[in-house]
Structures are given as C-alpha cells and as structure tokens.
Amino acid sequence: GWTPKGYDPDKETDTENQDLANLRAKEALKTKRFY
C-alpha cells in the first residue's frame, strides 16, 4: 500500500501512467499486448 509522497494513484485515471490491468504472468501470455 506504499506510495511516494505527493503521489495519488486515484488521480491517474485519465493519464497514460495508470496501470491498464494487474495480471499474473500466465494471464499476460494470453493477451495480444504481450506479443
């Protein structure tokens, strides 16, 4: 749950830097993005 001071991940909704997903390796292998 740690985040750097001044950084709020909840405010990253409309930016390029928000994580698109939080997948395990086996799940990532099933996506087009991996390839």
All heavy atoms as atom14 arrays in JSON, in Angstrom:
{
  "sequence": "GWTPKGYDPDKETDTENQDLANLRAKEALKTKRFY",
  "atom14_mask": [
    [1, 1, 1, 1, 0, 0, 0, 0, 0, 0, 0, 0, 0, 0],
    [1, 1, 1, 1, 1, 1, 1, 1, 1, 1, 1, 1, 1, 1],
    [1, 1, 1, 1, 1, 1, 1, 0, 0, 0, 0, 0, 0, 0],
    [1, 1, 1, 1, 1, 1, 1, 0, 0, 0, 0, 0, 0, 0],
    [1, 1, 1, 1, 1, 1, 1, 1, 1, 0, 0, 0, 0, 0],
    [1, 1, 1, 1, 0, 0, 0, 0, 0, 0, 0, 0, 0, 0],
    [1, 1, 1, 1, 1, 1, 1, 1, 1, 1, 1, 1, 0, 0],
    [1, 1, 1, 1, 1, 1, 1, 1, 0, 0, 0, 0, 0, 0],
    [1, 1, 1, 1, 1, 1, 1, 0, 0, 0, 0, 0, 0, 0],
    [1, 1, 1, 1, 1, 1, 1, 1, 0, 0, 0, 0, 0, 0],
    [1, 1, 1, 1, 1, 1, 1, 1, 1, 0, 0, 0, 0, 0],
    [1, 1, 1, 1, 1, 1, 1, 1, 1, 0, 0, 0, 0, 0],
    [1, 1, 1, 1, 1, 1, 1, 0, 0, 0, 0, 0, 0, 0],
    [1, 1, 1, 1, 1, 1, 1, 1, 0, 0, 0, 0, 0, 0],
    [1, 1, 1, 1, 1, 1, 1, 0, 0, 0, 0, 0, 0, 0],
    [1, 1, 1, 1, 1, 1, 1, 1, 1, 0, 0, 0, 0, 0],
    [1, 1, 1, 1, 1, 1, 1, 1, 0, 0, 0, 0, 0, 0],
    [1, 1, 1, 1, 1, 1, 1, 1, 1, 0, 0, 0, 0, 0],
    [1, 1, 1, 1, 1, 1, 1, 1, 0, 0, 0, 0, 0, 0],
    [1, 1, 1, 1, 1, 1, 1, 1, 0, 0, 0, 0, 0, 0],
    [1, 1, 1, 1, 1, 0, 0, 0, 0, 0, 0, 0, 0, 0],
    [1, 1, 1, 1, 1, 1, 1, 1, 0, 0, 0, 0, 0, 0],
    [1, 1, 1, 1, 1, 1, 1, 1, 0, 0, 0, 0, 0, 0],
    [1, 1, 1, 1, 1, 1, 1, 1, 1, 1, 1, 0, 0, 0],
    [1, 1, 1, 1, 1, 0, 0, 0, 0, 0, 0, 0, 0, 0],
    [1, 1, 1, 1, 1, 1, 1, 1, 1, 0, 0, 0, 0, 0],
    [1, 1, 1, 1, 1, 1, 1, 1, 1, 0, 0, 0, 0, 0],
    [1, 1, 1, 1, 1, 0, 0, 0, 0, 0, 0, 0, 0, 0],
    [1, 1, 1, 1, 1, 1, 1, 1, 0, 0, 0, 0, 0, 0],
    [1, 1, 1, 1, 1, 1, 1, 1, 1, 0, 0, 0, 0, 0],
    [1, 1, 1, 1, 1, 1, 1, 0, 0, 0, 0, 0, 0, 0],
    [1, 1, 1, 1, 1, 1, 1, 1, 1, 0, 0, 0, 0, 0],
    [1, 1, 1, 1, 1, 1, 1, 1, 1, 1, 1, 0, 0, 0],
    [1, 1, 1, 1, 1, 1, 1, 1, 1, 1, 1, 0, 0, 0],
    [1, 1, 1, 1, 1, 1, 1, 1, 1, 1, 1, 1, 0, 0]
  ],
  "atom14_positions": [
    [[0.78, -1.23, 0.0], [0.0, 0.0, 0.0], [0.81, 1.27, 0.0], [0.26, 2.38, 0.01], [0.0, 0.0, 0.0], [0.0, 0.0, 0.0], [0.0, 0.0, 0.0], [0.0, 0.0, 0.0], [0.0, 0.0, 0.0], [0.0, 0.0, 0.0], [0.0, 0.0, 0.0], [0.0, 0.0, 0.0], [0.0, 0.0, 0.0], [0.0, 0.0, 0.0]],
    [[2.15, 1.16, -0.04], [3.01, 2.35, 0.0], [2.96, 3.1, -1.32], [2.9, 2.51, -2.4], [4.45, 1.93, 0.28], [5.43, 3.07, 0.22], [5.78, 3.9, 1.23], [6.17, 3.51, -0.93], [6.7, 4.84, 0.8], [6.96, 4.62, -0.54], [6.25, 3.07, -2.25], [7.8, 5.28, -1.4], [7.08, 3.74, -3.13], [7.85, 4.83, -2.71]],
    [[2.95, 4.42, -1.23], [3.08, 5.28, -2.41], [4.03, 6.43, -2.07], [4.13, 6.83, -0.9], [1.73, 5.88, -2.85], [1.14, 6.59, -1.76], [0.77, 4.8, -3.34], [0.0, 0.0, 0.0], [0.0, 0.0, 0.0], [0.0, 0.0, 0.0], [0.0, 0.0, 0.0], [0.0, 0.0, 0.0], [0.0, 0.0, 0.0], [0.0, 0.0, 0.0]],
    [[4.74, 6.96, -3.04], [5.63, 8.09, -2.76], [4.85, 9.32, -2.32], [3.68, 9.48, -2.69], [6.33, 8.34, -4.09], [5.78, 7.41, -5.08], [4.76, 6.55, -4.43], [0.0, 0.0, 0.0], [0.0, 0.0, 0.0], [0.0, 0.0, 0.0], [0.0, 0.0, 0.0], [0.0, 0.0, 0.0], [0.0, 0.0, 0.0], [0.0, 0.0, 0.0]],
    [[5.49, 10.15, -1.54], [4.85, 11.36, -1.04], [4.39, 12.24, -2.2], [5.14, 12.51, -3.13], [5.84, 12.14, -0.16], [5.21, 13.31, 0.57], [6.23, 13.97, 1.48], [5.61, 15.15, 2.23], [6.59, 15.81, 3.12], [0.0, 0.0, 0.0], [0.0, 0.0, 0.0], [0.0, 0.0, 0.0], [0.0, 0.0, 0.0], [0.0, 0.0, 0.0]],
    [[3.12, 12.65, -2.13], [2.58, 13.53, -3.17], [2.0, 12.81, -4.37], [1.47, 13.44, -5.28], [0.0, 0.0, 0.0], [0.0, 0.0, 0.0], [0.0, 0.0, 0.0], [0.0, 0.0, 0.0], [0.0, 0.0, 0.0], [0.0, 0.0, 0.0], [0.0, 0.0, 0.0], [0.0, 0.0, 0.0], [0.0, 0.0, 0.0], [0.0, 0.0, 0.0]],
    [[2.1, 11.47, -4.36], [1.59, 10.69, -5.5], [0.28, 10.02, -5.1], [0.21, 9.32, -4.09], [2.61, 9.63, -5.91], [2.11, 8.69, -7.01], [2.03, 9.11, -8.32], [1.73, 7.38, -6.7], [1.58, 8.26, -9.32], [1.28, 6.53, -7.69], [1.2, 6.97, -8.99], [0.76, 6.12, -9.96], [0.0, 0.0, 0.0], [0.0, 0.0, 0.0]],
    [[-0.75, 10.27, -5.87], [-2.06, 9.68, -5.61], [-2.49, 8.89, -6.84], [-2.88, 9.48, -7.85], [-3.09, 10.76, -5.29], [-4.44, 10.18, -4.89], [-4.59, 8.93, -4.92], [-5.35, 10.97, -4.55], [0.0, 0.0, 0.0], [0.0, 0.0, 0.0], [0.0, 0.0, 0.0], [0.0, 0.0, 0.0], [0.0, 0.0, 0.0], [0.0, 0.0, 0.0]],
    [[-2.42, 7.55, -6.77], [-2.79, 6.74, -7.95], [-4.22, 6.93, -8.39], [-4.56, 6.72, -9.55], [-2.54, 5.3, -7.47], [-2.54, 5.37, -5.98], [-2.02, 6.72, -5.63], [0.0, 0.0, 0.0], [0.0, 0.0, 0.0], [0.0, 0.0, 0.0], [0.0, 0.0, 0.0], [0.0, 0.0, 0.0], [0.0, 0.0, 0.0], [0.0, 0.0, 0.0]],
    [[-5.09, 7.36, -7.46], [-6.5, 7.55, -7.81], [-6.7, 8.73, -8.76], [-7.72, 8.85, -9.42], [-7.34, 7.78, -6.55], [-7.37, 6.54, -5.66], [-7.26, 5.42, -6.21], [-7.49, 6.69, -4.43], [0.0, 0.0, 0.0], [0.0, 0.0, 0.0], [0.0, 0.0, 0.0], [0.0, 0.0, 0.0], [0.0, 0.0, 0.0], [0.0, 0.0, 0.0]],
    [[-5.71, 9.63, -8.82], [-5.8, 10.79, -9.7], [-5.23, 10.52, -11.09], [-5.16, 11.4, -11.91], [-5.08, 11.98, -9.07], [-5.77, 12.49, -7.79], [-5.02, 13.69, -7.22], [-5.71, 14.2, -5.97], [-4.98, 15.36, -5.37], [0.0, 0.0, 0.0], [0.0, 0.0, 0.0], [0.0, 0.0, 0.0], [0.0, 0.0, 0.0], [0.0, 0.0, 0.0]],
    [[-4.78, 9.26, -11.3], [-4.14, 8.91, -12.57], [-5.12, 8.33, -13.6], [-4.72, 7.8, -14.61], [-3.03, 7.87, -12.33], [-1.92, 8.36, -11.42], [-1.12, 9.48, -12.04], [-0.81, 9.41, -13.25], [-0.82, 10.45, -11.33], [0.0, 0.0, 0.0], [0.0, 0.0, 0.0], [0.0, 0.0, 0.0], [0.0, 0.0, 0.0], [0.0, 0.0, 0.0]],
    [[-6.42, 8.44, -13.33], [-7.44, 7.79, -14.16], [-7.35, 8.15, -15.63], [-7.49, 7.3, -16.5], [-8.86, 8.14, -13.63], [-8.93, 7.78, -12.26], [-9.92, 7.41, -14.41], [0.0, 0.0, 0.0], [0.0, 0.0, 0.0], [0.0, 0.0, 0.0], [0.0, 0.0, 0.0], [0.0, 0.0, 0.0], [0.0, 0.0, 0.0], [0.0, 0.0, 0.0]],
    [[-7.09, 9.4, -15.94], [-7.11, 9.84, -17.33], [-5.72, 10.0, -17.93], [-5.53, 10.64, -18.94], [-7.86, 11.16, -17.45], [-9.32, 11.0, -17.03], [-9.94, 10.01, -17.45], [-9.81, 11.85, -16.26], [0.0, 0.0, 0.0], [0.0, 0.0, 0.0], [0.0, 0.0, 0.0], [0.0, 0.0, 0.0], [0.0, 0.0, 0.0], [0.0, 0.0, 0.0]],
    [[-4.71, 9.44, -17.31], [-3.35, 9.62, -17.82], [-2.81, 8.34, -18.41], [-3.35, 7.25, -18.22], [-2.4, 10.07, -16.69], [-2.16, 8.98, -15.82], [-2.98, 11.23, -15.9], [0.0, 0.0, 0.0], [0.0, 0.0, 0.0], [0.0, 0.0, 0.0], [0.0, 0.0, 0.0], [0.0, 0.0, 0.0], [0.0, 0.0, 0.0], [0.0, 0.0, 0.0]],
    [[-1.68, 8.49, -19.12], [-1.01, 7.36, -19.74], [-0.4, 6.42, -18.7], [-0.07, 5.29, -18.99], [0.12, 7.87, -20.65], [-0.37, 8.54, -21.92], [-0.72, 7.55, -23.0], [-0.35, 6.36, -22.88], [-1.39, 7.93, -23.96], [0.0, 0.0, 0.0], [0.0, 0.0, 0.0], [0.0, 0.0, 0.0], [0.0, 0.0, 0.0], [0.0, 0.0, 0.0]],
    [[-0.23, 6.93, -17.46], [0.53, 6.17, -16.47], [-0.3, 5.26, -15.58], [0.25, 4.59, -14.72], [1.34, 7.14, -15.59], [2.41, 7.86, -16.38], [2.99, 7.29, -17.3], [2.67, 9.11, -16.05], [0.0, 0.0, 0.0], [0.0, 0.0, 0.0], [0.0, 0.0, 0.0], [0.0, 0.0, 0.0], [0.0, 0.0, 0.0], [0.0, 0.0, 0.0]],
    [[-1.61, 5.27, -15.75], [-2.41, 4.36, -14.95], [-2.26, 2.94, -15.47], [-2.26, 2.71, -16.68], [-3.9, 4.77, -15.02], [-4.77, 3.88, -14.12], [-6.25, 3.96, -14.5], [-6.57, 4.33, -15.61], [-7.11, 3.58, -13.58], [0.0, 0.0, 0.0], [0.0, 0.0, 0.0], [0.0, 0.0, 0.0], [0.0, 0.0, 0.0], [0.0, 0.0, 0.0]],
    [[-2.12, 1.98, -14.57], [-1.99, 0.59, -14.99], [-3.29, 0.14, -15.66], [-4.39, 0.35, -15.14], [-1.71, -0.33, -13.78], [-0.34, -0.05, -13.18], [0.44, 0.68, -13.8], [-0.07, -0.58, -12.08], [0.0, 0.0, 0.0], [0.0, 0.0, 0.0], [0.0, 0.0, 0.0], [0.0, 0.0, 0.0], [0.0, 0.0, 0.0], [0.0, 0.0, 0.0]],
    [[-3.13, -0.5, -16.81], [-4.29, -0.95, -17.57], [-4.94, -2.16, -16.92], [-6.14, -2.37, -17.01], [-3.86, -1.28, -19.0], [-4.94, -1.38, -20.06], [-5.67, -0.06, -20.19], [-4.32, -1.77, -21.4], [0.0, 0.0, 0.0], [0.0, 0.0, 0.0], [0.0, 0.0, 0.0], [0.0, 0.0, 0.0], [0.0, 0.0, 0.0], [0.0, 0.0, 0.0]],
    [[-4.13, -2.99, -16.26], [-4.62, -4.21, -15.59], [-3.59, -4.6, -14.55], [-2.54, -3.97, -14.42], [-4.8, -5.33, -16.62], [0.0, 0.0, 0.0], [0.0, 0.0, 0.0], [0.0, 0.0, 0.0], [0.0, 0.0, 0.0], [0.0, 0.0, 0.0], [0.0, 0.0, 0.0], [0.0, 0.0, 0.0], [0.0, 0.0, 0.0], [0.0, 0.0, 0.0]],
    [[-3.89, -5.63, -13.79], [-2.93, -6.16, -12.81], [-2.95, -7.68, -12.94], [-3.6, -8.38, -12.17], [-3.31, -5.71, -11.41], [-2.12, -5.75, -10.46], [-0.97, -5.79, -10.89], [-2.4, -5.74, -9.17], [0.0, 0.0, 0.0], [0.0, 0.0, 0.0], [0.0, 0.0, 0.0], [0.0, 0.0, 0.0], [0.0, 0.0, 0.0], [0.0, 0.0, 0.0]],
    [[-2.24, -8.17, -13.96], [-2.34, -9.57, -14.35], [-1.18, -10.41, -13.84], [-0.08, -9.91, -13.62], [-2.38, -9.68, -15.88], [-3.47, -8.9, -16.62], [-3.35, -9.15, -18.11], [-4.85, -9.26, -16.12], [0.0, 0.0, 0.0], [0.0, 0.0, 0.0], [0.0, 0.0, 0.0], [0.0, 0.0, 0.0], [0.0, 0.0, 0.0], [0.0, 0.0, 0.0]],
    [[-1.43, -11.69, -13.72], [-0.36, -12.65, -13.46], [0.32, -12.97, -14.79], [-0.23, -12.7, -15.87], [-0.91, -13.92, -12.81], [-1.5, -13.69, -11.43], [-1.86, -14.99, -10.74], [-2.4, -14.75, -9.4], [-1.66, -14.51, -8.32], [-0.34, -14.51, -8.42], [-2.21, -14.29, -7.15], [0.0, 0.0, 0.0], [0.0, 0.0, 0.0], [0.0, 0.0, 0.0]],
    [[1.5, -13.56, -14.71], [2.27, -13.84, -15.93], [1.5, -14.73, -16.9], [1.48, -14.49, -18.11], [3.6, -14.47, -15.57], [0.0, 0.0, 0.0], [0.0, 0.0, 0.0], [0.0, 0.0, 0.0], [0.0, 0.0, 0.0], [0.0, 0.0, 0.0], [0.0, 0.0, 0.0], [0.0, 0.0, 0.0], [0.0, 0.0, 0.0], [0.0, 0.0, 0.0]],
    [[0.86, -15.77, -16.39], [0.12, -16.69, -17.25], [-1.05, -15.98, -17.93], [-1.39, -16.3, -19.08], [-0.39, -17.88, -16.44], [0.73, -18.84, -16.01], [0.17, -20.04, -15.28], [1.29, -21.0, -14.87], [0.78, -22.17, -14.12], [0.0, 0.0, 0.0], [0.0, 0.0, 0.0], [0.0, 0.0, 0.0], [0.0, 0.0, 0.0], [0.0, 0.0, 0.0]],
    [[-1.66, -15.03, -17.23], [-2.76, -14.26, -17.83], [-2.23, -13.32, -18.9], [-2.86, -13.14, -19.95], [-3.48, -13.47, -16.74], [-4.18, -14.33, -15.7], [-4.7, -13.54, -14.52], [-4.06, -12.55, -14.13], [-5.75, -13.93, -13.96], [0.0, 0.0, 0.0], [0.0, 0.0, 0.0], [0.0, 0.0, 0.0], [0.0, 0.0, 0.0], [0.0, 0.0, 0.0]],
    [[-1.07, -12.73, -18.65], [-0.47, -11.8, -19.63], [-0.15, -12.51, -20.93], [-0.28, -11.94, -22.03], [0.79, -11.18, -19.04], [0.0, 0.0, 0.0], [0.0, 0.0, 0.0], [0.0, 0.0, 0.0], [0.0, 0.0, 0.0], [0.0, 0.0, 0.0], [0.0, 0.0, 0.0], [0.0, 0.0, 0.0], [0.0, 0.0, 0.0], [0.0, 0.0, 0.0]],
    [[0.26, -13.78, -20.83], [0.62, -14.56, -22.03], [-0.58, -14.79, -22.95], [-0.41, -15.12, -24.12], [1.21, -15.91, -21.62], [2.62, -15.88, -21.03], [2.99, -17.25, -20.48], [3.63, -15.45, -22.07], [0.0, 0.0, 0.0], [0.0, 0.0, 0.0], [0.0, 0.0, 0.0], [0.0, 0.0, 0.0], [0.0, 0.0, 0.0], [0.0, 0.0, 0.0]],
    [[-1.79, -14.6, -22.44], [-2.99, -14.83, -23.23], [-3.48, -13.56, -23.93], [-4.51, -13.59, -24.61], [-4.1, -15.38, -22.34], [-3.77, -16.74, -21.72], [-4.86, -17.2, -20.76], [-4.5, -18.53, -20.11], [-5.53, -18.98, -19.13], [0.0, 0.0, 0.0], [0.0, 0.0, 0.0], [0.0, 0.0, 0.0], [0.0, 0.0, 0.0], [0.0, 0.0, 0.0]],
    [[-2.76, -12.45, -23.75], [-3.19, -11.19, -24.35], [-2.39, -10.86, -25.61], [-1.24, -11.28, -25.75], [-3.02, -10.02, -23.36], [-1.63, -9.82, -23.11], [-3.73, -10.31, -22.04], [0.0, 0.0, 0.0], [0.0, 0.0, 0.0], [0.0, 0.0, 0.0], [0.0, 0.0, 0.0], [0.0, 0.0, 0.0], [0.0, 0.0, 0.0], [0.0, 0.0, 0.0]],
    [[-3.02, -10.09, -26.49], [-2.33, -9.63, -27.7], [-1.21, -8.66, -27.32], [-0.16, -8.61, -27.99], [-3.32, -8.92, -28.63], [-4.32, -9.81, -29.31], [-5.15, -9.03, -30.32], [-6.01, -7.97, -29.65], [-6.91, -7.3, -30.61], [0.0, 0.0, 0.0], [0.0, 0.0, 0.0], [0.0, 0.0, 0.0], [0.0, 0.0, 0.0], [0.0, 0.0, 0.0]],
    [[-1.43, -7.88, -26.28], [-0.47, -6.86, -25.89], [0.9, -7.45, -25.58], [1.93, -6.85, -25.89], [-0.97, -6.09, -24.66], [-2.3, -5.4, -24.87], [-2.64, -4.45, -23.74], [-2.77, -5.08, -22.44], [-3.86, -5.71, -22.01], [-4.92, -5.8, -22.81], [-3.91, -6.23, -20.8], [0.0, 0.0, 0.0], [0.0, 0.0, 0.0], [0.0, 0.0, 0.0]],
    [[0.92, -8.64, -24.98], [2.19, -9.28, -24.66], [2.99, -9.55, -25.93], [4.19, -9.25, -26.01], [1.95, -10.6, -23.92], [3.22, -11.38, -23.66], [3.96, -11.16, -22.52], [3.68, -12.32, -24.58], [5.14, -11.86, -22.28], [4.86, -13.01, -24.37], [5.58, -12.78, -23.21], [0.0, 0.0, 0.0], [0.0, 0.0, 0.0], [0.0, 0.0, 0.0]],
    [[2.34, -10.08, -26.94], [3.03, -10.44, -28.18], [3.38, -9.2, -29.0], [4.35, -9.21, -29.77], [2.19, -11.44, -28.97], [2.02, -12.72, -28.18], [0.86, -12.96, -27.44], [3.05, -13.64, -28.1], [0.73, -14.09, -26.66], [2.93, -14.79, -27.33], [1.77, -15.01, -26.61], [1.66, -16.13, -25.82], [0.0, 0.0, 0.0], [0.0, 0.0, 0.0]]
  ]
}
